[in-house]
């Protein structure tokens, strides 16, 4: 992963030693030393918009954001208030601006970012279209991440398609999904690329083959507005570590209309 310029991942829970356990059915909180491991692997931007980020309350969430900043790992999909949560995270490489936005469609609603409250960005936000259009206008490529769908389903549902297509219509060039814990199908829609679910990358669900693998998207962006994507499959070992990569074939996606900035 260190060979890539940008490595994005979903951070499924707070990374903190603070907060109070809400005692959900599954309550996640990771040891802060995890962030050093993430950084060492090359992961440099994460989504903090998912159904487990609030498992230990706002104190742990705020602490997570602070620790990410300290380790110089970018985050998207949340913030110390709604203003930060709704702003795209922009990374500039080779003269191109790549923007990230993260949304959760599976809550938790009580962790929604507000004017004076830290929290995440929900897909139900009434300003959904405006947020994406505004972000798209600031970058050459906009990548929108969704925590959505049904767990353990290998085919996306109508709600996922609705949100993904809506994001593309608003200016997203790439849409990446997670939450089902298994790999789902991909799609090219209006010359934009959609991966409905990446599956698991590091996660302890050993009861089936589909939950012990994930999709590693290898995407190359070009100045002419096109991209090349390769869908690699990552298999986890018994310690739930990415152990084997099966390379997929490359496919080109032509966006047709070049972004004004490129």
C-alpha atoms as a PDB file:
ATOM      1  CA  UNK A   1       0.000   0.000   0.000  1.00  0.00           C
ATOM      2  CA  UNK A   2       2.931   2.331   0.597  1.00  0.00           C
ATOM      3  CA  UNK A   3       3.528   2.433  -3.161  1.00  0.00           C
ATOM      4  CA  UNK A   4       0.265   4.315  -3.724  1.00  0.00           C
ATOM      5  CA  UNK A   5      -0.063   8.099  -3.556  1.00  0.00           C
ATOM      6  CA  UNK A   6      -3.405   7.962  -1.733  1.00  0.00           C
ATOM      7  CA  UNK A   7      -4.830   5.048   0.252  1.00  0.00           C
ATOM      8  CA  UNK A   8      -8.421   5.341   1.501  1.00  0.00           C
ATOM      9  CA  UNK A   9     -10.154   3.083   4.039  1.00  0.00           C
ATOM     10  CA  UNK A  10     -13.257   3.008   6.214  1.00  0.00           C
ATOM     11  CA  UNK A  11     -12.407   3.364   9.925  1.00  0.00           C
ATOM     12  CA  UNK A  12     -15.093   1.217  11.554  1.00  0.00           C
ATOM     13  CA  UNK A  13     -15.184   2.736  15.025  1.00  0.00           C
ATOM     14  CA  UNK A  14     -13.447   5.166  17.382  1.00  0.00           C
ATOM     15  CA  UNK A  15      -9.716   4.963  18.054  1.00  0.00           C
ATOM     16  CA  UNK A  16      -9.519   6.171  21.635  1.00  0.00           C
ATOM     17  CA  UNK A  17      -9.069   5.351  25.306  1.00  0.00           C
ATOM     18  CA  UNK A  18     -11.852   7.749  26.271  1.00  0.00           C
ATOM     19  CA  UNK A  19     -15.635   7.785  26.262  1.00  0.00           C
ATOM     20  CA  UNK A  20     -18.405   5.672  27.735  1.00  0.00           C
ATOM     21  CA  UNK A  21     -19.539   2.375  26.257  1.00  0.00           C
ATOM     22  CA  UNK A  22     -23.109   2.624  24.924  1.00  0.00           C
ATOM     23  CA  UNK A  23     -23.398  -1.170  25.163  1.00  0.00           C
ATOM     24  CA  UNK A  24     -24.693  -1.683  21.645  1.00  0.00           C
ATOM     25  CA  UNK A  25     -24.985  -5.250  20.380  1.00  0.00           C
ATOM     26  CA  UNK A  26     -21.475  -4.827  18.963  1.00  0.00           C
ATOM     27  CA  UNK A  27     -19.507  -2.003  20.531  1.00  0.00           C
ATOM     28  CA  UNK A  28     -16.185  -1.106  18.941  1.00  0.00           C
ATOM     29  CA  UNK A  29     -13.294   0.927  20.305  1.00  0.00           C
ATOM     30  CA  UNK A  30      -9.743   0.513  19.033  1.00  0.00           C
ATOM     31  CA  UNK A  31      -6.494   0.996  20.914  1.00  0.00           C
ATOM     32  CA  UNK A  32      -4.861   4.320  19.927  1.00  0.00           C
ATOM     33  CA  UNK A  33      -1.698   2.465  18.862  1.00  0.00           C
ATOM     34  CA  UNK A  34      -3.708   1.257  15.848  1.00  0.00           C
ATOM     35  CA  UNK A  35      -3.194   4.611  14.141  1.00  0.00           C
ATOM     36  CA  UNK A  36       0.561   4.181  14.001  1.00  0.00           C
ATOM     37  CA  UNK A  37       0.010   0.829  12.293  1.00  0.00           C
ATOM     38  CA  UNK A  38      -2.403   2.416   9.804  1.00  0.00           C
ATOM     39  CA  UNK A  39       0.067   5.153   9.001  1.00  0.00           C
ATOM     40  CA  UNK A  40       2.894   2.652   8.570  1.00  0.00           C
ATOM     41  CA  UNK A  41       0.862   0.663   6.038  1.00  0.00           C
ATOM     42  CA  UNK A  42       0.329   3.757   3.895  1.00  0.00           C
ATOM     43  CA  UNK A  43      -3.314   4.518   4.725  1.00  0.00           C
ATOM     44  CA  UNK A  44      -3.569   8.304   4.656  1.00  0.00           C
ATOM     45  CA  UNK A  45      -7.290   9.103   4.466  1.00  0.00           C
ATOM     46  CA  UNK A  46     -10.199   7.411   6.270  1.00  0.00           C
ATOM     47  CA  UNK A  47     -13.955   7.756   6.501  1.00  0.00           C
ATOM     48  CA  UNK A  48     -15.310   8.425   9.990  1.00  0.00           C
ATOM     49  CA  UNK A  49     -18.938   8.107   8.856  1.00  0.00           C
ATOM     50  CA  UNK A  50     -20.322   4.705   9.837  1.00  0.00           C
ATOM     51  CA  UNK A  51     -22.646   3.038  12.342  1.00  0.00           C
ATOM     52  CA  UNK A  52     -19.907   2.247  14.891  1.00  0.00           C
ATOM     53  CA  UNK A  53     -18.086   5.573  15.261  1.00  0.00           C
ATOM     54  CA  UNK A  54     -20.440   6.554  18.083  1.00  0.00           C
ATOM     55  CA  UNK A  55     -20.178   3.312  20.081  1.00  0.00           C
ATOM     56  CA  UNK A  56     -18.316   5.134  22.870  1.00  0.00           C
ATOM     57  CA  UNK A  57     -20.030   8.510  22.512  1.00  0.00           C
ATOM     58  CA  UNK A  58     -18.906  11.929  21.359  1.00  0.00           C
ATOM     59  CA  UNK A  59     -15.933  12.136  23.693  1.00  0.00           C
ATOM     60  CA  UNK A  60     -14.314   9.127  22.006  1.00  0.00           C
ATOM     61  CA  UNK A  61     -15.297  10.441  18.568  1.00  0.00           C
ATOM     62  CA  UNK A  62     -13.703  13.846  19.186  1.00  0.00           C
ATOM     63  CA  UNK A  63     -10.625  12.132  20.585  1.00  0.00           C
ATOM     64  CA  UNK A  64     -10.429  10.000  17.430  1.00  0.00           C
ATOM     65  CA  UNK A  65     -10.482  13.072  15.191  1.00  0.00           C
ATOM     66  CA  UNK A  66      -7.773  14.672  17.299  1.00  0.00           C
ATOM     67  CA  UNK A  67      -5.570  11.575  17.143  1.00  0.00           C
ATOM     68  CA  UNK A  68      -6.003  11.298  13.374  1.00  0.00           C
ATOM     69  CA  UNK A  69      -4.850  14.895  12.983  1.00  0.00           C
ATOM     70  CA  UNK A  70      -1.899  14.225  15.259  1.00  0.00           C
ATOM     71  CA  UNK A  71      -0.832  11.290  13.071  1.00  0.00           C
ATOM     72  CA  UNK A  72      -1.435  13.366   9.921  1.00  0.00           C
ATOM     73  CA  UNK A  73      -4.083  10.978   8.630  1.00  0.00           C
ATOM     74  CA  UNK A  74      -6.840  12.803   6.744  1.00  0.00           C
ATOM     75  CA  UNK A  75     -10.462  12.030   7.553  1.00  0.00           C
ATOM     76  CA  UNK A  76     -13.776  12.647   5.849  1.00  0.00           C
ATOM     77  CA  UNK A  77     -17.433  12.129   6.728  1.00  0.00           C
ATOM     78  CA  UNK A  78     -17.328  13.866  10.092  1.00  0.00           C
ATOM     79  CA  UNK A  79     -15.890  16.720  12.067  1.00  0.00           C
ATOM     80  CA  UNK A  80     -15.938  18.860  15.172  1.00  0.00           C
ATOM     81  CA  UNK A  81     -19.108  20.467  13.794  1.00  0.00           C
ATOM     82  CA  UNK A  82     -21.365  20.283  10.731  1.00  0.00           C
ATOM     83  CA  UNK A  83     -19.284  22.855   8.860  1.00  0.00           C
ATOM     84  CA  UNK A  84     -16.220  20.614   8.976  1.00  0.00           C
ATOM     85  CA  UNK A  85     -18.227  17.436   8.351  1.00  0.00           C
ATOM     86  CA  UNK A  86     -19.729  18.859   5.149  1.00  0.00           C
ATOM     87  CA  UNK A  87     -16.422  20.058   3.717  1.00  0.00           C
ATOM     88  CA  UNK A  88     -14.554  17.805   1.300  1.00  0.00           C
ATOM     89  CA  UNK A  89     -11.132  16.579   2.300  1.00  0.00           C
ATOM     90  CA  UNK A  90      -8.865  17.627  -0.559  1.00  0.00           C
ATOM     91  CA  UNK A  91      -5.509  16.077  -1.376  1.00  0.00           C
ATOM     92  CA  UNK A  92      -3.391  17.504  -4.191  1.00  0.00           C
ATOM     93  CA  UNK A  93      -1.147  15.193  -6.208  1.00  0.00           C
ATOM     94  CA  UNK A  94       0.668  15.902  -9.478  1.00  0.00           C
ATOM     95  CA  UNK A  95      -1.306  19.088  -9.982  1.00  0.00           C
ATOM     96  CA  UNK A  96      -4.663  17.341  -9.559  1.00  0.00           C
ATOM     97  CA  UNK A  97      -7.069  17.975  -6.694  1.00  0.00           C
ATOM     98  CA  UNK A  98      -8.748  14.823  -5.391  1.00  0.00           C
ATOM     99  CA  UNK A  99     -11.655  15.368  -3.017  1.00  0.00           C
ATOM    100  CA  UNK A 100     -13.288  12.979  -0.547  1.00  0.00           C
ATOM    101  CA  UNK A 101     -16.735  13.119   1.050  1.00  0.00           C
ATOM    102  CA  UNK A 102     -18.103  10.483   3.421  1.00  0.00           C
ATOM    103  CA  UNK A 103     -21.725   9.733   4.327  1.00  0.00           C
ATOM    104  CA  UNK A 104     -23.395   7.159   6.558  1.00  0.00           C
ATOM    105  CA  UNK A 105     -26.825   5.855   5.585  1.00  0.00           C
ATOM    106  CA  UNK A 106     -27.074   3.562   8.622  1.00  0.00           C
ATOM    107  CA  UNK A 107     -26.697   6.120  11.389  1.00  0.00           C
ATOM    108  CA  UNK A 108     -26.238   6.528  14.214  1.00  0.00           C
ATOM    109  CA  UNK A 109     -28.623   9.476  14.026  1.00  0.00           C
ATOM    110  CA  UNK A 110     -27.733  10.623  17.537  1.00  0.00           C
ATOM    111  CA  UNK A 111     -24.149  11.174  16.343  1.00  0.00           C
ATOM    112  CA  UNK A 112     -25.121  13.587  13.575  1.00  0.00           C
ATOM    113  CA  UNK A 113     -22.826  16.602  13.288  1.00  0.00           C
ATOM    114  CA  UNK A 114     -24.466  19.918  14.152  1.00  0.00           C
ATOM    115  CA  UNK A 115     -23.497  23.576  14.293  1.00  0.00           C
ATOM    116  CA  UNK A 116     -22.004  23.186  17.761  1.00  0.00           C
ATOM    117  CA  UNK A 117     -21.693  19.398  17.926  1.00  0.00           C
ATOM    118  CA  UNK A 118     -19.062  16.993  16.676  1.00  0.00           C
ATOM    119  CA  UNK A 119     -20.386  14.102  14.645  1.00  0.00           C
ATOM    120  CA  UNK A 120     -20.777  12.450  11.289  1.00  0.00           C
ATOM    121  CA  UNK A 121     -22.389  13.335   7.983  1.00  0.00           C
ATOM    122  CA  UNK A 122     -25.600  11.433   7.271  1.00  0.00           C
ATOM    123  CA  UNK A 123     -26.885  10.538   3.808  1.00  0.00           C
ATOM    124  CA  UNK A 124     -30.293  11.821   4.944  1.00  0.00           C
ATOM    125  CA  UNK A 125     -28.877  15.348   5.212  1.00  0.00           C
ATOM    126  CA  UNK A 126     -31.356  17.695   3.474  1.00  0.00           C
ATOM    127  CA  UNK A 127     -28.396  19.482   1.877  1.00  0.00           C
ATOM    128  CA  UNK A 128     -27.038  16.256   0.353  1.00  0.00           C
ATOM    129  CA  UNK A 129     -27.098  17.498  -3.254  1.00  0.00           C
ATOM    130  CA  UNK A 130     -25.711  20.899  -2.366  1.00  0.00           C
ATOM    131  CA  UNK A 131     -22.840  19.399  -0.350  1.00  0.00           C
ATOM    132  CA  UNK A 132     -21.722  17.160  -3.223  1.00  0.00           C
ATOM    133  CA  UNK A 133     -22.138  19.800  -5.938  1.00  0.00           C
ATOM    134  CA  UNK A 134     -20.172  22.318  -3.910  1.00  0.00           C
ATOM    135  CA  UNK A 135     -17.387  19.804  -3.284  1.00  0.00           C
ATOM    136  CA  UNK A 136     -17.274  18.752  -6.933  1.00  0.00           C
ATOM    137  CA  UNK A 137     -16.735  22.355  -8.012  1.00  0.00           C
ATOM    138  CA  UNK A 138     -13.574  22.545  -5.884  1.00  0.00           C
ATOM    139  CA  UNK A 139     -11.741  19.490  -7.222  1.00  0.00           C
ATOM    140  CA  UNK A 140     -10.724  17.599 -10.342  1.00  0.00           C
ATOM    141  CA  UNK A 141     -11.963  14.245  -9.053  1.00  0.00           C
ATOM    142  CA  UNK A 142     -14.551  13.791  -6.307  1.00  0.00           C
ATOM    143  CA  UNK A 143     -14.715  10.457  -4.489  1.00  0.00           C
ATOM    144  CA  UNK A 144     -17.834   9.879  -2.386  1.00  0.00           C
ATOM    145  CA  UNK A 145     -17.844   7.173   0.272  1.00  0.00           C
ATOM    146  CA  UNK A 146     -21.066   5.641   1.604  1.00  0.00           C
ATOM    147  CA  UNK A 147     -21.593   3.380   4.601  1.00  0.00           C
ATOM    148  CA  UNK A 148     -24.764   1.794   3.265  1.00  0.00           C
ATOM    149  CA  UNK A 149     -26.554  -1.353   2.171  1.00  0.00           C
ATOM    150  CA  UNK A 150     -27.534  -4.634   3.808  1.00  0.00           C
ATOM    151  CA  UNK A 151     -25.076  -6.800   5.687  1.00  0.00           C
ATOM    152  CA  UNK A 152     -23.874 -10.002   3.957  1.00  0.00           C
ATOM    153  CA  UNK A 153     -25.671  -9.268   0.667  1.00  0.00           C
ATOM    154  CA  UNK A 154     -23.513  -9.667  -2.444  1.00  0.00           C
ATOM    155  CA  UNK A 155     -25.779  -7.522  -4.628  1.00  0.00           C
ATOM    156  CA  UNK A 156     -26.577  -3.882  -3.958  1.00  0.00           C
ATOM    157  CA  UNK A 157     -30.134  -2.782  -3.202  1.00  0.00           C
ATOM    158  CA  UNK A 158     -32.310   0.015  -4.597  1.00  0.00           C
ATOM    159  CA  UNK A 159     -31.421   2.449  -1.823  1.00  0.00           C
ATOM    160  CA  UNK A 160     -27.701   2.050  -2.517  1.00  0.00           C
ATOM    161  CA  UNK A 161     -28.267   2.557  -6.228  1.00  0.00           C
ATOM    162  CA  UNK A 162     -30.392   5.630  -5.574  1.00  0.00           C
ATOM    163  CA  UNK A 163     -27.730   7.286  -3.405  1.00  0.00           C
ATOM    164  CA  UNK A 164     -24.804   6.300  -5.632  1.00  0.00           C
ATOM    165  CA  UNK A 165     -26.513   7.528  -8.794  1.00  0.00           C
ATOM    166  CA  UNK A 166     -27.573  10.711  -7.035  1.00  0.00           C
ATOM    167  CA  UNK A 167     -23.972  11.349  -5.990  1.00  0.00           C
ATOM    168  CA  UNK A 168     -22.776  10.836  -9.567  1.00  0.00           C
ATOM    169  CA  UNK A 169     -25.476  13.152 -10.889  1.00  0.00           C
ATOM    170  CA  UNK A 170     -24.223  15.757  -8.419  1.00  0.00           C
ATOM    171  CA  UNK A 171     -20.613  15.463  -9.574  1.00  0.00           C
ATOM    172  CA  UNK A 172     -18.962  12.398  -8.013  1.00  0.00           C
ATOM    173  CA  UNK A 173     -16.562  10.566 -10.332  1.00  0.00           C
ATOM    174  CA  UNK A 174     -16.005   7.589  -8.031  1.00  0.00           C
ATOM    175  CA  UNK A 175     -18.381   6.124  -5.426  1.00  0.00           C
ATOM    176  CA  UNK A 176     -17.129   3.614  -2.860  1.00  0.00           C
ATOM    177  CA  UNK A 177     -19.376   1.707  -0.465  1.00  0.00           C
ATOM    178  CA  UNK A 178     -18.911  -0.346   2.699  1.00  0.00           C
ATOM    179  CA  UNK A 179     -21.052  -1.865   5.487  1.00  0.00           C
ATOM    180  CA  UNK A 180     -22.266  -5.199   4.018  1.00  0.00           C
ATOM    181  CA  UNK A 181     -18.986  -6.923   5.118  1.00  0.00           C
ATOM    182  CA  UNK A 182     -18.888  -8.775   1.787  1.00  0.00           C
ATOM    183  CA  UNK A 183     -17.904  -7.717  -1.712  1.00  0.00           C
ATOM    184  CA  UNK A 184     -20.764  -6.436  -3.851  1.00  0.00           C
ATOM    185  CA  UNK A 185     -20.973  -5.684  -7.552  1.00  0.00           C
ATOM    186  CA  UNK A 186     -19.489  -2.680  -9.327  1.00  0.00           C
ATOM    187  CA  UNK A 187     -21.022  -0.479 -11.984  1.00  0.00           C
ATOM    188  CA  UNK A 188     -20.122   2.206 -14.505  1.00  0.00           C
ATOM    189  CA  UNK A 189     -22.882   4.812 -14.462  1.00  0.00           C
ATOM    190  CA  UNK A 190     -22.751   7.940 -16.624  1.00  0.00           C
ATOM    191  CA  UNK A 191     -19.017   7.394 -17.115  1.00  0.00           C
ATOM    192  CA  UNK A 192     -18.413   7.257 -13.350  1.00  0.00           C
ATOM    193  CA  UNK A 193     -17.279   4.215 -11.372  1.00  0.00           C
ATOM    194  CA  UNK A 194     -19.272   2.744  -8.472  1.00  0.00           C
ATOM    195  CA  UNK A 195     -18.120  -0.022  -6.102  1.00  0.00           C
ATOM    196  CA  UNK A 196     -21.142  -0.798  -3.924  1.00  0.00           C
ATOM    197  CA  UNK A 197     -19.238  -2.659  -1.194  1.00  0.00           C
ATOM    198  CA  UNK A 198     -15.546  -3.334  -0.667  1.00  0.00           C
ATOM    199  CA  UNK A 199     -16.153  -6.137   1.833  1.00  0.00           C
ATOM    200  CA  UNK A 200     -13.763  -6.680   4.762  1.00  0.00           C
ATOM    201  CA  UNK A 201     -10.102  -5.681   4.844  1.00  0.00           C
ATOM    202  CA  UNK A 202      -9.175  -6.290   8.493  1.00  0.00           C
ATOM    203  CA  UNK A 203     -12.182  -7.706  10.352  1.00  0.00           C
ATOM    204  CA  UNK A 204     -12.810 -10.762  12.527  1.00  0.00           C
ATOM    205  CA  UNK A 205     -15.702 -12.540  10.819  1.00  0.00           C
ATOM    206  CA  UNK A 206     -14.406 -16.034  10.174  1.00  0.00           C
ATOM    207  CA  UNK A 207     -17.689 -17.869   9.678  1.00  0.00           C
ATOM    208  CA  UNK A 208     -17.743 -17.641   5.870  1.00  0.00           C
ATOM    209  CA  UNK A 209     -15.448 -17.224   2.887  1.00  0.00           C
ATOM    210  CA  UNK A 210     -17.135 -13.988   1.697  1.00  0.00           C
ATOM    211  CA  UNK A 211     -16.528 -12.283   5.076  1.00  0.00           C
ATOM    212  CA  UNK A 212     -12.858 -13.268   4.955  1.00  0.00           C
ATOM    213  CA  UNK A 213     -12.112 -11.266   1.846  1.00  0.00           C
ATOM    214  CA  UNK A 214     -12.356  -7.771   0.480  1.00  0.00           C
ATOM    215  CA  UNK A 215     -11.899  -5.743  -2.653  1.00  0.00           C
ATOM    216  CA  UNK A 216      -8.790  -3.618  -3.025  1.00  0.00           C
ATOM    217  CA  UNK A 217      -9.502  -1.007  -5.676  1.00  0.00           C
ATOM    218  CA  UNK A 218      -6.403   0.077  -7.551  1.00  0.00           C
ATOM    219  CA  UNK A 219      -7.378   3.290  -9.327  1.00  0.00           C
ATOM    220  CA  UNK A 220      -5.142   5.372 -11.563  1.00  0.00           C
ATOM    221  CA  UNK A 221      -6.324   8.884 -12.325  1.00  0.00           C
ATOM    222  CA  UNK A 222      -5.128  10.803 -15.362  1.00  0.00           C
ATOM    223  CA  UNK A 223      -5.015  14.458 -16.298  1.00  0.00           C
ATOM    224  CA  UNK A 224      -7.252  13.873 -19.318  1.00  0.00           C
ATOM    225  CA  UNK A 225     -10.175  13.033 -17.061  1.00  0.00           C
ATOM    226  CA  UNK A 226     -10.111   9.240 -17.455  1.00  0.00           C
ATOM    227  CA  UNK A 227      -9.290   6.503 -14.974  1.00  0.00           C
ATOM    228  CA  UNK A 228      -8.037   2.943 -14.972  1.00  0.00           C
ATOM    229  CA  UNK A 229      -9.394   0.624 -12.306  1.00  0.00           C
ATOM    230  CA  UNK A 230      -8.229  -2.820 -11.217  1.00  0.00           C
ATOM    231  CA  UNK A 231     -10.329  -4.819  -8.769  1.00  0.00           C
ATOM    232  CA  UNK A 232      -8.001  -6.957  -6.665  1.00  0.00           C
ATOM    233  CA  UNK A 233      -9.314  -9.473  -4.120  1.00  0.00           C
ATOM    234  CA  UNK A 234      -7.707  -9.532  -0.680  1.00  0.00           C
ATOM    235  CA  UNK A 235      -7.963 -12.730   1.348  1.00  0.00           C
ATOM    236  CA  UNK A 236      -7.575 -12.684   5.146  1.00  0.00           C
ATOM    237  CA  UNK A 237      -5.676 -15.292   7.136  1.00  0.00           C
ATOM    238  CA  UNK A 238      -6.767 -16.895  10.429  1.00  0.00           C
ATOM    239  CA  UNK A 239      -5.420 -13.863  12.321  1.00  0.00           C
ATOM    240  CA  UNK A 240      -7.683 -11.648  10.164  1.00  0.00           C
ATOM    241  CA  UNK A 241      -4.735 -10.052   8.396  1.00  0.00           C
ATOM    242  CA  UNK A 242      -4.643  -9.331   4.649  1.00  0.00           C
ATOM    243  CA  UNK A 243      -2.538 -12.280   3.537  1.00  0.00           C
ATOM    244  CA  UNK A 244      -3.084 -12.843  -0.165  1.00  0.00           C
ATOM    245  CA  UNK A 245      -3.900 -10.540  -3.071  1.00  0.00           C
ATOM    246  CA  UNK A 246      -5.455 -11.918  -6.237  1.00  0.00           C
ATOM    247  CA  UNK A 247      -5.000  -9.356  -8.977  1.00  0.00           C
ATOM    248  CA  UNK A 248      -7.929  -8.520 -11.197  1.00  0.00           C
ATOM    249  CA  UNK A 249      -7.891  -7.237 -14.763  1.00  0.00           C
ATOM    250  CA  UNK A 250      -7.674  -3.537 -15.567  1.00  0.00           C
ATOM    251  CA  UNK A 251     -10.540  -1.648 -17.139  1.00  0.00           C
ATOM    252  CA  UNK A 252     -10.649   1.922 -18.364  1.00  0.00           C
ATOM    253  CA  UNK A 253     -13.442   4.346 -17.582  1.00  0.00           C
ATOM    254  CA  UNK A 254     -13.715   7.365 -19.839  1.00  0.00           C
ATOM    255  CA  UNK A 255     -15.510  10.259 -18.233  1.00  0.00           C
ATOM    256  CA  UNK A 256     -16.221  11.770 -21.639  1.00  0.00           C
ATOM    257  CA  UNK A 257     -16.227  15.387 -20.548  1.00  0.00           C
ATOM    258  CA  UNK A 258     -12.997  16.650 -19.052  1.00  0.00           C
ATOM    259  CA  UNK A 259     -13.195  18.528 -15.802  1.00  0.00           C
ATOM    260  CA  UNK A 260     -12.546  22.217 -16.344  1.00  0.00           C
ATOM    261  CA  UNK A 261      -9.642  22.127 -13.925  1.00  0.00           C
ATOM    262  CA  UNK A 262      -7.736  19.325 -15.709  1.00  0.00           C
END
